[in-house]
């Protein structure tokens, strides 16, 4: 199939969904109110609760939920064929992911900006708070640890990204100063900031920076240490100082990257060279249920509930903004995931070097990279396919490969850094909420809570020593659990939103059906994982998987009991 036609059809579906289904949910189901008092105004503190313009908050929310998820997931799941990947990305994001994100954002905003796990204690039962906390904390811990490792790896893979990525920090601080202190026009100054950012991209392309060994520490280890220190500082600063302006810049980066990819698809109009359906790739797990686990961001992801109910709900200044920020951001993430599928499913076919250095094109280029699960499953393999496919698309209208690779390298590292910052801040919120629950108010303050969040991550990453093998082993120790844990969190968040709607006497089928579907998927995948880990002798992962599975069943049963007790409009 022609990639341009595929993109056009999917874009139309996304636009129609936003204008119809998203508006229906906002107006008729969640009943957004323009004059509702939002937590950002009621609890305004200038640090975490800060009323924010919709355009700026959209940029923060999108870059926080996206990260590398909509890139890595589709880039590996296409091994089962582009048709199932596209169907899940399009219809999953419209009817499940966007509903999940919007629902959690609204529920959190109407409950003092608290996390969905904390609110669930009021909606379902106090027991649920601890269960939710365990699942949310573990999922977020995995994100912080792995994204620390990923960004360190990306700095080594793309040294040309170092100057623009770190240069973005002072640019963002200056942008925040001009907008919030000097009250200058945020559009004009954000455009200036983006222009300066892309000047640094050009500088980075010709002056890449690679760290040497320092004090006997490997560059990967050095970057990881620097990133954890950065995450601590960034997540304790007021959101208007760094988080908001940096994410606003990244939001513009997204628009630039999407525009370049769309122009490339329009100009090159390559055919999809990936197979339409490949049900049994060599060495791959079963397509069902694992397609729905591997493609999370871009379709539906539990991590989004941590952002919606963590940072975004504390900054949204008008309930009506939740429509575009909650529902719209998820659809835009679906667009990004779709373009990734096209980049690796069609762009790679425009030319990619094989292992022997020979230039391959067409089906042979795709097959060389996706010959088996083992060849396509590593981080480098996933990102290489996307970056090189994107570079091919940009090359079709004259952008040199060196520049396009730097642009995409900076793009993916920026998103990963945003996720690291936001995840650390959210982890601080979770620790703070839990500390208040167990009556330890001294640990609920920003610095002690952040120290716990970052300290536990550092312990996980470096408990085996400050070497590259130890870092990789530590950071990835729990990662095999993340896919299922992430979708388990999405399931539980949907059930919590469903209980919220039931209590308000609102029709619940729009959230209950996605919750049930995700419940079935995660049950299935959990059982598969437990069998795999247990048969492989990994008692740690087996134990955590089993405990998570039990907690999921318990929370769902509690939710169903509450729903049955409540008088609500028939499904």
Protein backbone atom coordinates (compact mmCIF):
# COMPACT_ATOMS: atom_id res chain seq x y z
CA UNK A 1 0.00 0.00 0.00
CA UNK A 2 1.11 3.56 -0.68
CA UNK A 3 2.22 5.25 2.54
CA UNK A 4 0.77 8.65 1.55
CA UNK A 5 -2.69 7.17 1.08
CA UNK A 6 -2.39 5.27 4.38
CA UNK A 7 -1.36 8.43 6.24
CA UNK A 8 -4.16 10.50 4.68
CA UNK A 9 -6.85 7.96 5.62
CA UNK A 10 -5.63 7.70 9.21
CA UNK A 11 -5.28 11.47 9.62
CA UNK A 12 -8.90 11.89 8.52
CA UNK A 13 -10.02 9.28 11.06
CA UNK A 14 -8.13 11.07 13.84
CA UNK A 15 -9.63 14.43 12.90
CA UNK A 16 -13.17 13.04 12.74
CA UNK A 17 -12.70 11.30 16.09
CA UNK A 18 -11.49 14.50 17.74
CA UNK A 19 -14.38 16.55 16.36
CA UNK A 20 -17.07 13.97 17.15
CA UNK A 21 -16.26 11.30 19.75
CA UNK A 22 -13.89 13.46 21.77
CA UNK A 23 -16.38 16.34 21.85
CA UNK A 24 -19.20 13.96 22.80
CA UNK A 25 -17.22 12.53 25.72
CA UNK A 26 -16.24 16.00 26.92
CA UNK A 27 -19.73 17.50 26.72
CA UNK A 28 -22.11 14.60 27.41
CA UNK A 29 -20.15 12.11 29.54
CA UNK A 30 -17.63 14.13 31.55
CA UNK A 31 -19.66 17.35 31.21
CA UNK A 32 -16.79 19.82 31.29
CA UNK A 33 -17.64 23.16 32.85
CA UNK A 34 -16.03 26.43 31.79
CA UNK A 35 -16.54 28.03 35.20
CA UNK A 36 -15.37 25.10 37.35
CA UNK A 37 -12.70 25.96 39.94
CA UNK A 38 -9.53 24.09 39.02
CA UNK A 39 -6.82 22.92 41.49
CA UNK A 40 -4.22 25.07 39.72
CA UNK A 41 -6.15 28.15 40.85
CA UNK A 42 -7.61 26.92 44.15
CA UNK A 43 -4.25 25.60 45.44
CA UNK A 44 -1.93 27.88 43.50
CA UNK A 45 1.54 27.80 45.08
CA UNK A 46 3.81 28.99 42.27
CA UNK A 47 5.69 25.68 42.26
CA UNK A 48 3.49 22.67 41.42
CA UNK A 49 0.02 24.23 41.21
CA UNK A 50 0.41 26.84 38.48
CA UNK A 51 -2.41 27.96 36.12
CA UNK A 52 -1.05 27.53 32.62
CA UNK A 53 -2.05 28.57 29.12
CA UNK A 54 -3.58 25.73 27.14
CA UNK A 55 -0.96 25.84 24.38
CA UNK A 56 1.92 25.63 26.86
CA UNK A 57 0.30 22.86 28.91
CA UNK A 58 -0.48 20.93 25.73
CA UNK A 59 3.23 20.92 24.94
CA UNK A 60 4.13 19.74 28.44
CA UNK A 61 1.48 17.02 28.53
CA UNK A 62 2.25 15.66 25.09
CA UNK A 63 6.01 15.51 25.48
CA UNK A 64 5.60 13.92 28.93
CA UNK A 65 3.26 11.13 27.81
CA UNK A 66 5.12 10.48 24.56
CA UNK A 67 8.80 10.04 25.37
CA UNK A 68 10.17 7.16 23.31
CA UNK A 69 7.05 5.04 23.74
CA UNK A 70 5.32 5.83 20.42
CA UNK A 71 8.67 5.35 18.66
CA UNK A 72 10.03 2.17 20.24
CA UNK A 73 6.73 0.25 20.51
CA UNK A 74 5.57 0.57 16.88
CA UNK A 75 9.16 0.15 15.61
CA UNK A 76 9.28 -3.34 17.12
CA UNK A 77 5.63 -4.39 16.81
CA UNK A 78 5.67 -3.87 13.03
CA UNK A 79 7.45 -7.22 12.90
CA UNK A 80 3.91 -8.72 13.10
CA UNK A 81 2.92 -6.65 10.07
CA UNK A 82 1.91 -3.05 9.49
CA UNK A 83 -1.85 -3.73 9.34
CA UNK A 84 -2.34 -4.91 12.96
CA UNK A 85 0.03 -2.18 14.18
CA UNK A 86 -1.89 0.56 12.34
CA UNK A 87 -5.31 -0.75 13.42
CA UNK A 88 -4.29 -0.81 17.09
CA UNK A 89 -2.61 2.62 16.93
CA UNK A 90 -5.62 4.26 15.25
CA UNK A 91 -8.62 2.64 16.93
CA UNK A 92 -6.86 1.99 20.23
CA UNK A 93 -5.97 5.67 20.64
CA UNK A 94 -9.45 6.89 19.60
CA UNK A 95 -11.62 4.57 21.70
CA UNK A 96 -9.30 3.61 24.56
CA UNK A 97 -6.16 5.69 25.06
CA UNK A 98 -7.72 9.12 24.60
CA UNK A 99 -10.71 8.12 26.76
CA UNK A 100 -8.31 6.91 29.47
CA UNK A 101 -6.20 10.10 29.41
CA UNK A 102 -9.18 12.46 29.36
CA UNK A 103 -11.00 10.53 32.09
CA UNK A 104 -8.05 10.44 34.50
CA UNK A 105 -7.31 14.13 33.92
CA UNK A 106 -10.89 15.14 34.73
CA UNK A 107 -11.18 12.88 37.78
CA UNK A 108 -7.89 14.22 39.16
CA UNK A 109 -8.85 17.86 38.49
CA UNK A 110 -12.14 17.37 40.32
CA UNK A 111 -10.31 15.83 43.29
CA UNK A 112 -7.71 18.47 44.20
CA UNK A 113 -5.15 17.36 41.60
CA UNK A 114 -4.53 14.06 43.40
CA UNK A 115 -3.25 10.94 41.65
CA UNK A 116 -5.78 8.43 40.35
CA UNK A 117 -4.54 5.94 42.93
CA UNK A 118 -5.20 8.34 45.79
CA UNK A 119 -8.63 9.27 44.42
CA UNK A 120 -9.46 5.56 44.02
CA UNK A 121 -9.39 5.26 47.82
CA UNK A 122 -12.42 7.59 47.93
CA UNK A 123 -14.13 6.09 44.90
CA UNK A 124 -13.63 2.39 45.66
CA UNK A 125 -12.16 1.70 49.13
CA UNK A 126 -9.22 2.80 51.33
CA UNK A 127 -7.54 -0.58 50.74
CA UNK A 128 -7.18 0.26 47.07
CA UNK A 129 -4.88 3.23 47.80
CA UNK A 130 -2.01 1.00 48.95
CA UNK A 131 -2.51 -1.43 46.06
CA UNK A 132 -2.53 1.38 43.52
CA UNK A 133 0.52 2.96 45.13
CA UNK A 134 2.56 -0.25 44.82
CA UNK A 135 1.71 -0.64 41.13
CA UNK A 136 2.18 3.06 40.31
CA UNK A 137 5.45 3.33 42.23
CA UNK A 138 6.94 0.21 40.60
CA UNK A 139 5.87 1.26 37.10
CA UNK A 140 7.31 4.75 37.57
CA UNK A 141 10.51 3.37 39.10
CA UNK A 142 11.05 1.27 35.97
CA UNK A 143 10.47 4.33 33.75
CA UNK A 144 12.95 6.54 35.64
CA UNK A 145 15.64 3.83 35.76
CA UNK A 146 15.31 2.77 32.14
CA UNK A 147 15.02 6.28 30.73
CA UNK A 148 18.16 7.24 32.64
CA UNK A 149 19.91 4.37 30.88
CA UNK A 150 18.28 5.08 27.51
CA UNK A 151 19.26 8.75 27.44
CA UNK A 152 22.83 7.83 28.42
CA UNK A 153 22.88 5.30 25.55
CA UNK A 154 21.41 7.87 23.15
CA UNK A 155 24.11 10.40 24.04
CA UNK A 156 26.66 7.74 23.08
CA UNK A 157 24.73 6.76 19.93
CA UNK A 158 24.10 10.36 18.84
CA UNK A 159 26.89 12.58 20.27
CA UNK A 160 25.65 15.32 17.96
CA UNK A 161 22.62 15.66 20.24
CA UNK A 162 24.66 16.62 23.34
CA UNK A 163 25.07 20.34 22.60
CA UNK A 164 21.43 21.02 21.61
CA UNK A 165 19.97 18.91 24.43
CA UNK A 166 21.94 20.54 27.24
CA UNK A 167 21.74 23.92 25.50
CA UNK A 168 17.97 23.63 25.66
CA UNK A 169 18.05 23.92 29.48
CA UNK A 170 19.28 27.57 29.69
CA UNK A 171 17.14 28.43 26.66
CA UNK A 172 14.07 27.08 28.47
CA UNK A 173 14.92 28.88 31.72
CA UNK A 174 15.31 32.15 29.79
CA UNK A 175 12.02 31.53 27.96
CA UNK A 176 10.27 30.96 31.29
CA UNK A 177 11.79 34.17 32.63
CA UNK A 178 10.58 36.21 29.66
CA UNK A 179 7.07 34.73 29.77
CA UNK A 180 6.40 34.63 33.52
CA UNK A 181 8.59 37.40 34.91
CA UNK A 182 8.67 39.89 32.04
CA UNK A 183 5.15 39.00 30.79
CA UNK A 184 6.32 38.91 27.17
CA UNK A 185 4.36 37.30 24.35
CA UNK A 186 4.81 33.54 24.77
CA UNK A 187 4.31 32.79 21.06
CA UNK A 188 6.98 35.25 19.86
CA UNK A 189 9.54 34.21 22.46
CA UNK A 190 8.89 30.50 22.01
CA UNK A 191 9.54 30.86 18.28
CA UNK A 192 12.81 32.66 19.09
CA UNK A 193 13.71 29.85 21.51
CA UNK A 194 13.02 27.18 18.89
CA UNK A 195 15.12 29.02 16.30
CA UNK A 196 18.04 29.18 18.75
CA UNK A 197 17.47 25.51 19.53
CA UNK A 198 17.80 24.55 15.86
CA UNK A 199 20.93 26.67 15.51
CA UNK A 200 22.35 24.47 18.26
CA UNK A 201 21.18 21.42 16.29
CA UNK A 202 23.35 22.58 13.39
CA UNK A 203 26.26 23.21 15.76
CA UNK A 204 25.83 19.75 17.27
CA UNK A 205 25.76 18.13 13.84
CA UNK A 206 29.28 19.39 13.11
CA UNK A 207 30.66 19.38 16.68
CA UNK A 208 29.54 16.15 18.35
CA UNK A 209 30.62 15.58 21.96
CA UNK A 210 31.60 12.21 23.38
CA UNK A 211 32.61 11.86 27.02
CA UNK A 212 35.94 10.19 27.86
CA UNK A 213 36.45 7.96 30.89
CA UNK A 214 36.67 10.16 34.01
CA UNK A 215 37.95 8.83 37.35
CA UNK A 216 37.78 5.37 35.80
CA UNK A 217 34.04 5.69 35.14
CA UNK A 218 32.61 4.64 31.80
CA UNK A 219 30.89 7.44 29.76
CA UNK A 220 27.56 5.62 30.05
CA UNK A 221 27.88 5.59 33.85
CA UNK A 222 28.90 9.26 33.90
CA UNK A 223 25.88 10.27 31.83
CA UNK A 224 23.57 8.24 34.10
CA UNK A 225 24.92 9.99 37.22
CA UNK A 226 24.58 13.43 35.58
CA UNK A 227 21.03 12.62 34.47
CA UNK A 228 19.90 11.53 37.94
CA UNK A 229 21.32 14.74 39.43
CA UNK A 230 19.56 16.71 36.70
CA UNK A 231 16.27 14.85 37.33
CA UNK A 232 16.48 15.72 41.05
CA UNK A 233 17.07 19.42 40.38
CA UNK A 234 14.58 19.74 37.52
CA UNK A 235 11.76 17.97 39.36
CA UNK A 236 12.07 20.21 42.44
CA UNK A 237 12.14 23.51 40.54
CA UNK A 238 8.84 25.37 40.04
CA UNK A 239 7.16 24.08 36.88
CA UNK A 240 7.27 27.55 35.35
CA UNK A 241 11.06 27.73 35.68
CA UNK A 242 12.08 24.79 33.49
CA UNK A 243 9.43 22.10 32.95
CA UNK A 244 6.78 24.20 31.19
CA UNK A 245 9.03 26.31 28.92
CA UNK A 246 11.24 23.34 27.99
CA UNK A 247 8.23 21.23 27.13
CA UNK A 248 6.80 24.12 25.14
CA UNK A 249 10.00 24.14 23.09
CA UNK A 250 9.75 20.37 22.72
CA UNK A 251 6.16 20.74 21.60
CA UNK A 252 7.38 22.97 18.78
CA UNK A 253 10.11 20.43 18.05
CA UNK A 254 7.39 17.84 17.67
CA UNK A 255 5.49 19.99 15.18
CA UNK A 256 8.69 20.55 13.18
CA UNK A 257 9.54 16.83 13.20
CA UNK A 258 5.99 15.82 12.26
CA UNK A 259 5.94 18.41 9.48
CA UNK A 260 9.26 17.17 8.08
CA UNK A 261 8.07 13.56 8.16
CA UNK A 262 4.72 14.41 6.56
CA UNK A 263 6.46 16.41 3.82
CA UNK A 264 8.79 13.47 3.28
CA UNK A 265 5.86 11.06 2.97
CA UNK A 266 4.11 13.44 0.56
CA UNK A 267 7.21 13.97 -1.61
CA UNK A 268 8.62 10.44 -1.61
CA UNK A 269 5.26 8.65 -1.29
CA UNK A 270 7.01 5.30 -0.71
CA UNK A 271 5.21 1.98 -0.77
CA UNK A 272 4.93 -0.04 2.42
CA UNK A 273 7.60 -2.74 2.14
CA UNK A 274 6.81 -4.32 5.52
CA UNK A 275 4.46 -7.31 5.28
CA UNK A 276 0.79 -6.53 5.85
CA UNK A 277 0.51 -9.39 8.35
CA UNK A 278 3.25 -11.67 9.69
CA UNK A 279 1.58 -13.70 12.42
CA UNK A 280 4.58 -15.84 13.40
CA UNK A 281 7.95 -14.06 13.13
CA UNK A 282 10.98 -16.12 14.11
CA UNK A 283 11.48 -16.12 17.88
CA UNK A 284 8.66 -13.64 18.57
CA UNK A 285 6.02 -14.11 21.28
CA UNK A 286 2.38 -14.53 20.25
CA UNK A 287 1.00 -11.49 18.43
CA UNK A 288 -2.05 -11.64 20.68
CA UNK A 289 -1.83 -10.43 23.43
CA UNK A 290 1.69 -8.98 23.11
CA UNK A 291 1.01 -6.58 20.21
CA UNK A 292 -1.28 -4.70 22.62
CA UNK A 293 1.40 -4.73 25.32
CA UNK A 294 4.35 -3.64 23.18
CA UNK A 295 2.43 -0.81 21.49
CA UNK A 296 1.30 1.08 24.58
CA UNK A 297 2.12 4.75 23.93
CA UNK A 298 0.43 5.52 20.64
CA UNK A 299 -2.63 3.43 21.57
CA UNK A 300 -3.15 3.31 25.37
CA UNK A 301 -0.61 3.51 28.19
CA UNK A 302 -1.03 3.42 31.95
CA UNK A 303 1.93 5.78 32.36
CA UNK A 304 -0.29 8.50 30.90
CA UNK A 305 -2.50 8.28 34.00
CA UNK A 306 0.52 9.23 36.11
CA UNK A 307 1.03 12.37 34.00
CA UNK A 308 -2.67 13.28 33.67
CA UNK A 309 -3.25 12.83 37.39
CA UNK A 310 0.21 14.03 38.39
CA UNK A 311 1.56 17.16 36.74
CA UNK A 312 -1.10 18.15 34.17
CA UNK A 313 -4.09 18.25 36.54
CA UNK A 314 -2.17 20.68 38.77
CA UNK A 315 -1.56 23.11 35.89
CA UNK A 316 -4.78 23.03 33.86
CA UNK A 317 -6.51 26.38 34.39
CA UNK A 318 -9.86 25.61 32.76
CA UNK A 319 -11.82 22.35 32.62
CA UNK A 320 -12.65 22.99 28.97
CA UNK A 321 -8.92 22.77 28.15
CA UNK A 322 -8.95 19.10 29.19
CA UNK A 323 -10.68 18.23 25.91
CA UNK A 324 -7.72 19.19 23.71
CA UNK A 325 -5.03 18.39 26.29
CA UNK A 326 -6.37 14.99 27.40
CA UNK A 327 -8.15 13.66 24.32
CA UNK A 328 -6.27 15.64 21.67
CA UNK A 329 -2.75 14.89 22.93
CA UNK A 330 -3.42 11.15 22.78
CA UNK A 331 -4.59 11.39 19.18
CA UNK A 332 -1.50 13.39 18.28
CA UNK A 333 0.60 10.69 19.88
CA UNK A 334 -1.25 8.24 17.65
CA UNK A 335 -0.22 10.36 14.66
CA UNK A 336 3.40 10.14 15.76
CA UNK A 337 3.13 6.36 16.19
CA UNK A 338 1.60 6.09 12.72
CA UNK A 339 4.46 8.08 11.18
CA UNK A 340 6.93 5.79 12.96
CA UNK A 341 5.21 2.78 11.38
CA UNK A 342 5.52 4.46 7.97
CA UNK A 343 9.16 5.44 8.58
CA UNK A 344 10.18 1.86 9.43
CA UNK A 345 7.67 0.15 7.14
CA UNK A 346 8.26 2.28 4.04
CA UNK A 347 11.11 4.75 4.69
CA UNK A 348 13.58 1.96 5.45
CA UNK A 349 12.83 0.53 2.02
CA UNK A 350 14.24 3.66 0.41
CA UNK A 351 17.73 2.52 1.43
CA UNK A 352 19.44 1.00 4.45
CA UNK A 353 22.85 -0.56 4.85
CA UNK A 354 22.92 -4.23 5.74
CA UNK A 355 25.34 -5.87 8.17
CA UNK A 356 27.92 -6.30 5.42
CA UNK A 357 27.72 -2.63 4.41
CA UNK A 358 25.77 -3.30 1.23
CA UNK A 359 22.99 -0.80 0.49
CA UNK A 360 19.65 -2.60 0.54
CA UNK A 361 16.34 -1.27 -0.75
CA UNK A 362 12.71 -2.35 -0.86
CA UNK A 363 11.56 -5.51 0.87
CA UNK A 364 15.14 -6.75 1.28
CA UNK A 365 16.02 -3.68 3.41
CA UNK A 366 13.10 -4.31 5.76
CA UNK A 367 13.66 -8.06 5.88
CA UNK A 368 17.35 -7.59 6.71
CA UNK A 369 16.45 -5.56 9.78
CA UNK A 370 13.38 -7.56 10.82
CA UNK A 371 14.52 -11.07 9.92
CA UNK A 372 13.78 -12.27 13.47
CA UNK A 373 12.68 -11.05 16.88
CA UNK A 374 16.31 -11.09 18.08
CA UNK A 375 17.56 -8.80 15.30
CA UNK A 376 14.83 -6.20 15.81
CA UNK A 377 14.27 -6.19 19.56
CA UNK A 378 17.27 -4.19 20.84
CA UNK A 379 17.01 -0.47 21.57
CA UNK A 380 19.63 0.41 18.99
CA UNK A 381 17.85 -1.64 16.33
CA UNK A 382 14.50 0.01 17.03
CA UNK A 383 15.84 3.55 16.97
CA UNK A 384 18.14 2.92 14.02
CA UNK A 385 15.21 1.81 11.86
CA UNK A 386 13.20 4.89 12.80
CA UNK A 387 16.05 7.41 12.47
CA UNK A 388 17.33 6.05 9.15
CA UNK A 389 13.82 5.67 7.74
CA UNK A 390 13.03 9.25 8.77
CA UNK A 391 16.32 10.48 7.27
CA UNK A 392 15.38 8.81 3.98
CA UNK A 393 12.02 10.60 3.98
CA UNK A 394 13.66 13.96 4.71
CA UNK A 395 16.32 13.32 2.11
CA UNK A 396 13.57 13.15 -0.51
CA UNK A 397 13.23 16.94 -0.35
CA UNK A 398 16.90 17.82 0.09
CA UNK A 399 17.82 17.69 3.79
CA UNK A 400 21.33 16.20 4.12
CA UNK A 401 21.54 12.93 6.00
CA UNK A 402 23.92 14.35 8.63
CA UNK A 403 21.43 17.11 9.49
CA UNK A 404 18.32 14.90 9.41
CA UNK A 405 19.90 12.27 11.66
CA UNK A 406 20.85 15.00 14.15
CA UNK A 407 17.34 16.46 14.03
CA UNK A 408 15.76 13.10 14.80
CA UNK A 409 18.43 12.27 17.39
CA UNK A 410 17.74 15.52 19.25
CA UNK A 411 14.01 14.90 18.87
CA UNK A 412 14.05 11.48 20.53
CA UNK A 413 16.51 12.49 23.28
CA UNK A 414 14.43 15.61 24.08
CA UNK A 415 11.31 13.51 24.50
CA UNK A 416 13.14 10.95 26.61
CA UNK A 417 14.52 13.73 28.85
CA UNK A 418 11.05 15.20 29.28
CA UNK A 419 9.71 11.82 30.37
CA UNK A 420 12.59 11.41 32.84
CA UNK A 421 11.91 14.83 34.40
CA UNK A 422 8.12 14.36 34.55
CA UNK A 423 8.37 10.78 35.86
CA UNK A 424 10.68 11.91 38.67
CA UNK A 425 8.31 14.73 39.60
CA UNK A 426 5.33 12.33 39.54
CA UNK A 427 7.26 9.86 41.72
CA UNK A 428 7.82 12.68 44.19
CA UNK A 429 4.05 13.32 44.24
CA UNK A 430 3.36 9.63 44.84
CA UNK A 431 5.86 9.43 47.71
CA UNK A 432 4.39 12.62 49.18
CA UNK A 433 0.81 11.30 49.01
CA UNK A 434 1.84 8.01 50.58
CA UNK A 435 3.81 9.76 53.34
CA UNK A 436 0.74 11.80 54.27
CA UNK A 437 -1.38 8.63 54.28
CA UNK A 438 0.93 6.89 56.77
CA UNK A 439 1.27 10.09 58.83
CA UNK A 440 4.88 10.93 57.98
CA UNK A 441 4.47 14.60 56.93
CA UNK A 442 8.22 15.32 57.06
CA UNK A 443 8.75 12.92 54.13
CA UNK A 444 5.99 14.52 52.09
CA UNK A 445 7.95 17.73 51.51
CA UNK A 446 9.48 18.24 48.02
CA UNK A 447 13.16 17.54 48.78
CA UNK A 448 12.78 14.50 51.07
CA UNK A 449 10.21 12.97 48.70
CA UNK A 450 12.42 13.61 45.67
CA UNK A 451 15.46 12.23 47.48
CA UNK A 452 13.54 9.00 48.10
CA UNK A 453 12.40 8.85 44.46
CA UNK A 454 15.87 9.46 42.99
CA UNK A 455 17.69 7.52 45.70
CA UNK A 456 15.74 4.32 45.12
CA UNK A 457 16.32 4.68 41.37
CA UNK A 458 20.06 5.15 41.90
CA UNK A 459 20.11 2.13 44.19
CA UNK A 460 18.41 0.03 41.53
CA UNK A 461 20.78 1.24 38.80
CA UNK A 462 24.07 1.04 40.71
CA UNK A 463 23.58 -1.65 43.34
CA UNK A 464 25.96 -3.86 41.37
CA UNK A 465 28.67 -1.20 41.07
CA UNK A 466 29.54 1.81 38.92
CA UNK A 467 30.32 -0.06 35.71
CA UNK A 468 28.52 -0.23 32.39
CA UNK A 469 27.46 -3.89 32.77
CA UNK A 470 26.25 -3.25 36.33
CA UNK A 471 24.28 -0.17 35.23
CA UNK A 472 22.57 -2.01 32.39
CA UNK A 473 21.81 -5.02 34.58
CA UNK A 474 20.45 -2.83 37.38
CA UNK A 475 18.39 -0.43 35.27
CA UNK A 476 16.89 -3.27 33.25
CA UNK A 477 16.37 -5.62 36.22
CA UNK A 478 12.62 -4.97 36.39
CA UNK A 479 12.06 -3.82 32.81
CA UNK A 480 10.64 -7.16 31.53
CA UNK A 481 7.69 -6.44 33.82
CA UNK A 482 7.00 -2.96 32.50
CA UNK A 483 4.87 -3.72 29.46
CA UNK A 484 2.28 -5.72 31.39
CA UNK A 485 2.54 -3.50 34.49
CA UNK A 486 1.96 -0.42 32.35
CA UNK A 487 -1.17 -1.83 30.72
CA UNK A 488 -2.32 -3.17 34.09
CA UNK A 489 -2.19 0.41 35.38
CA UNK A 490 -4.25 1.58 32.38
CA UNK A 491 -6.83 -1.11 33.19
CA UNK A 492 -7.12 -0.06 36.82
CA UNK A 493 -7.28 3.64 35.92
CA UNK A 494 -10.16 2.94 33.52
CA UNK A 495 -12.02 1.01 36.21
CA UNK A 496 -11.52 3.89 38.66
CA UNK A 497 -12.87 6.37 36.09
CA UNK A 498 -15.81 4.02 35.47
CA UNK A 499 -16.66 4.00 39.19
CA UNK A 500 -16.43 7.80 39.17
CA UNK A 501 -18.96 8.00 36.32
CA UNK A 502 -21.22 5.43 37.98
CA UNK A 503 -21.30 7.51 41.15
CA UNK A 504 -22.34 10.52 39.06
CA UNK A 505 -25.17 8.52 37.43
CA UNK A 506 -23.56 8.79 34.00
CA UNK A 507 -23.57 6.07 31.34
CA UNK A 508 -20.41 4.02 31.93
CA UNK A 509 -20.05 1.88 28.82
CA UNK A 510 -17.58 4.32 27.19
CA UNK A 511 -14.99 3.56 29.88
CA UNK A 512 -16.17 0.14 31.08
CA UNK A 513 -15.77 -1.58 27.68
CA UNK A 514 -12.14 -0.37 27.25
CA UNK A 515 -11.49 -1.38 30.87
CA UNK A 516 -12.77 -4.91 30.26
CA UNK A 517 -10.80 -5.27 27.02
CA UNK A 518 -7.60 -4.10 28.72
CA UNK A 519 -8.36 -6.37 31.66
CA UNK A 520 -8.54 -9.41 29.40
CA UNK A 521 -5.32 -8.42 27.62
CA UNK A 522 -3.38 -7.89 30.84
CA UNK A 523 -4.73 -11.09 32.44
CA UNK A 524 -3.61 -13.05 29.41
CA UNK A 525 -0.20 -11.40 29.18
CA UNK A 526 0.35 -11.67 32.97
CA UNK A 527 -0.22 -15.41 32.90
CA UNK A 528 2.15 -15.75 29.93
CA UNK A 529 4.81 -13.70 31.74
CA UNK A 530 4.49 -15.61 35.00
CA UNK A 531 4.93 -18.90 33.14
CA UNK A 532 7.94 -17.54 31.22
CA UNK A 533 9.68 -16.09 34.29
CA UNK A 534 8.97 -19.14 36.45
CA UNK A 535 10.15 -21.63 33.82
CA UNK A 536 13.29 -19.50 33.35
CA UNK A 537 14.02 -19.66 37.08
CA UNK A 538 13.63 -15.91 37.66
CA UNK A 539 11.90 -15.95 41.04
CA UNK A 540 12.10 -12.15 41.50
CA UNK A 541 10.17 -11.34 38.32
CA UNK A 542 7.84 -14.29 38.86
CA UNK A 543 7.03 -13.09 42.36
CA UNK A 544 6.44 -9.45 41.39
CA UNK A 545 4.31 -10.54 38.42
CA UNK A 546 2.20 -12.79 40.63
CA UNK A 547 1.73 -10.09 43.28
CA UNK A 548 0.77 -7.54 40.61
CA UNK A 549 -1.68 -10.00 39.10
CA UNK A 550 -3.34 -10.58 42.49
CA UNK A 551 -3.55 -6.84 43.15
CA UNK A 552 -5.14 -6.27 39.75
CA UNK A 553 -7.78 -8.95 40.34
CA UNK A 554 -8.50 -7.56 43.80
CA UNK A 555 -8.94 -3.96 42.60
CA UNK A 556 -11.15 -5.00 39.68
CA UNK A 557 -13.37 -7.10 41.97
CA UNK A 558 -13.66 -4.18 44.41
CA UNK A 559 -14.54 -1.86 41.50
CA UNK A 560 -17.22 -4.20 40.14
CA UNK A 561 -18.77 -4.57 43.59
CA UNK A 562 -19.05 -0.79 43.91
CA UNK A 563 -20.50 -0.43 40.41
CA UNK A 564 -23.13 -3.08 41.12
CA UNK A 565 -24.17 -1.34 44.33
CA UNK A 566 -24.62 2.00 42.62
CA UNK A 567 -27.79 2.85 40.77
CA UNK A 568 -26.65 4.03 37.32
CA UNK A 569 -27.98 4.41 33.81
CA UNK A 570 -28.04 0.95 32.14
CA UNK A 571 -25.07 0.17 29.90
